[in-house]
Amino acid sequence: MVSSTESKTVKRTINYLVDGNEVSAPDSVNQEFTFSRDVFTDTITGDVTYGNWNVDNT
């Protein structure tokens, strides 16, 4: 069995809208999250098993 790690980065932008002109909307917020999971490959059969996705909360 061979194990490795797969990771993906997801980016999002949050834009705020305010109804009316009494208060201005806050600036947009950009966020980036990196998810990773373990990948296990059976060297004999080639079957691949994936672990659960985990997020880096920093």
C-alpha atoms as a PDB file:
ATOM      1  CA  MET A   1       0.000   0.000   0.000  1.00  0.00           C
ATOM      2  CA  VAL A   2       1.278   3.433  -0.945  1.00  0.00           C
ATOM      3  CA  SER A   3      -0.014   6.554   0.774  1.00  0.00           C
ATOM      4  CA  SER A   4       0.133  10.133  -0.438  1.00  0.00           C
ATOM      5  CA  THR A   5      -1.617  13.422   0.253  1.00  0.00           C
ATOM      6  CA  GLU A   6      -3.875  15.336  -2.115  1.00  0.00           C
ATOM      7  CA  SER A   7      -4.617  19.022  -1.521  1.00  0.00           C
ATOM      8  CA  LYS A   8      -6.764  21.703  -3.117  1.00  0.00           C
ATOM      9  CA  THR A   9      -7.006  25.425  -2.498  1.00  0.00           C
ATOM     10  CA  VAL A  10     -10.361  27.217  -2.666  1.00  0.00           C
ATOM     11  CA  LYS A  11     -10.696  30.999  -2.891  1.00  0.00           C
ATOM     12  CA  ARG A  12     -13.777  33.134  -2.363  1.00  0.00           C
ATOM     13  CA  THR A  13     -14.621  36.817  -2.227  1.00  0.00           C
ATOM     14  CA  ILE A  14     -17.398  38.140  -0.002  1.00  0.00           C
ATOM     15  CA  ASN A  15     -19.015  41.341  -1.274  1.00  0.00           C
ATOM     16  CA  TYR A  16     -21.333  43.244   1.034  1.00  0.00           C
ATOM     17  CA  LEU A  17     -24.402  45.135  -0.146  1.00  0.00           C
ATOM     18  CA  VAL A  18     -26.246  47.695   1.942  1.00  0.00           C
ATOM     19  CA  ASP A  19     -29.843  48.703   1.231  1.00  0.00           C
ATOM     20  CA  GLY A  20     -30.178  52.486   1.122  1.00  0.00           C
ATOM     21  CA  ASN A  21     -27.557  55.214   1.441  1.00  0.00           C
ATOM     22  CA  GLU A  22     -27.467  55.605   5.220  1.00  0.00           C
ATOM     23  CA  VAL A  23     -24.427  53.356   5.739  1.00  0.00           C
ATOM     24  CA  SER A  24     -21.663  52.432   3.333  1.00  0.00           C
ATOM     25  CA  ALA A  25     -20.939  48.756   2.714  1.00  0.00           C
ATOM     26  CA  PRO A  26     -17.803  47.237   4.282  1.00  0.00           C
ATOM     27  CA  ASP A  27     -14.893  46.439   1.997  1.00  0.00           C
ATOM     28  CA  SER A  28     -14.888  43.069   0.232  1.00  0.00           C
ATOM     29  CA  VAL A  29     -13.211  40.198   2.047  1.00  0.00           C
ATOM     30  CA  ASN A  30     -10.984  37.683   0.221  1.00  0.00           C
ATOM     31  CA  GLN A  31     -10.553  34.260   1.796  1.00  0.00           C
ATOM     32  CA  GLU A  32      -8.459  31.239   0.886  1.00  0.00           C
ATOM     33  CA  PHE A  33      -8.781  27.742   2.330  1.00  0.00           C
ATOM     34  CA  THR A  34      -6.591  24.710   1.740  1.00  0.00           C
ATOM     35  CA  PHE A  35      -8.157  21.258   1.997  1.00  0.00           C
ATOM     36  CA  SER A  36      -6.129  18.031   2.110  1.00  0.00           C
ATOM     37  CA  ARG A  37      -6.801  14.317   2.384  1.00  0.00           C
ATOM     38  CA  ASP A  38      -4.854  11.081   2.457  1.00  0.00           C
ATOM     39  CA  VAL A  39      -4.892   8.864  -0.621  1.00  0.00           C
ATOM     40  CA  PHE A  40      -4.108   5.157  -0.290  1.00  0.00           C
ATOM     41  CA  THR A  41      -3.248   3.081  -3.366  1.00  0.00           C
ATOM     42  CA  ASP A  42      -3.085  -0.713  -3.237  1.00  0.00           C
ATOM     43  CA  THR A  43       0.102  -1.615  -5.140  1.00  0.00           C
ATOM     44  CA  ILE A  44      -1.242  -5.005  -6.184  1.00  0.00           C
ATOM     45  CA  THR A  45      -4.813  -4.238  -7.300  1.00  0.00           C
ATOM     46  CA  GLY A  46      -4.439  -0.524  -8.068  1.00  0.00           C
ATOM     47  CA  ASP A  47      -7.527   0.244  -5.955  1.00  0.00           C
ATOM     48  CA  VAL A  48      -7.526   3.785  -4.565  1.00  0.00           C
ATOM     49  CA  THR A  49      -9.104   4.737  -1.240  1.00  0.00           C
ATOM     50  CA  TYR A  50      -9.539   8.337  -0.122  1.00  0.00           C
ATOM     51  CA  GLY A  51      -9.577   9.729   3.401  1.00  0.00           C
ATOM     52  CA  ASN A  52     -11.763  12.567   4.620  1.00  0.00           C
ATOM     53  CA  TRP A  53     -11.082  16.141   3.523  1.00  0.00           C
ATOM     54  CA  ASN A  54      -9.505  18.276   6.248  1.00  0.00           C
ATOM     55  CA  VAL A  55      -9.280  22.071   6.196  1.00  0.00           C
ATOM     56  CA  ASP A  56      -6.361  24.185   7.330  1.00  0.00           C
ATOM     57  CA  ASN A  57      -8.150  26.694   9.584  1.00  0.00           C
ATOM     58  CA  THR A  58      -5.347  29.221   9.793  1.00  0.00           C
END
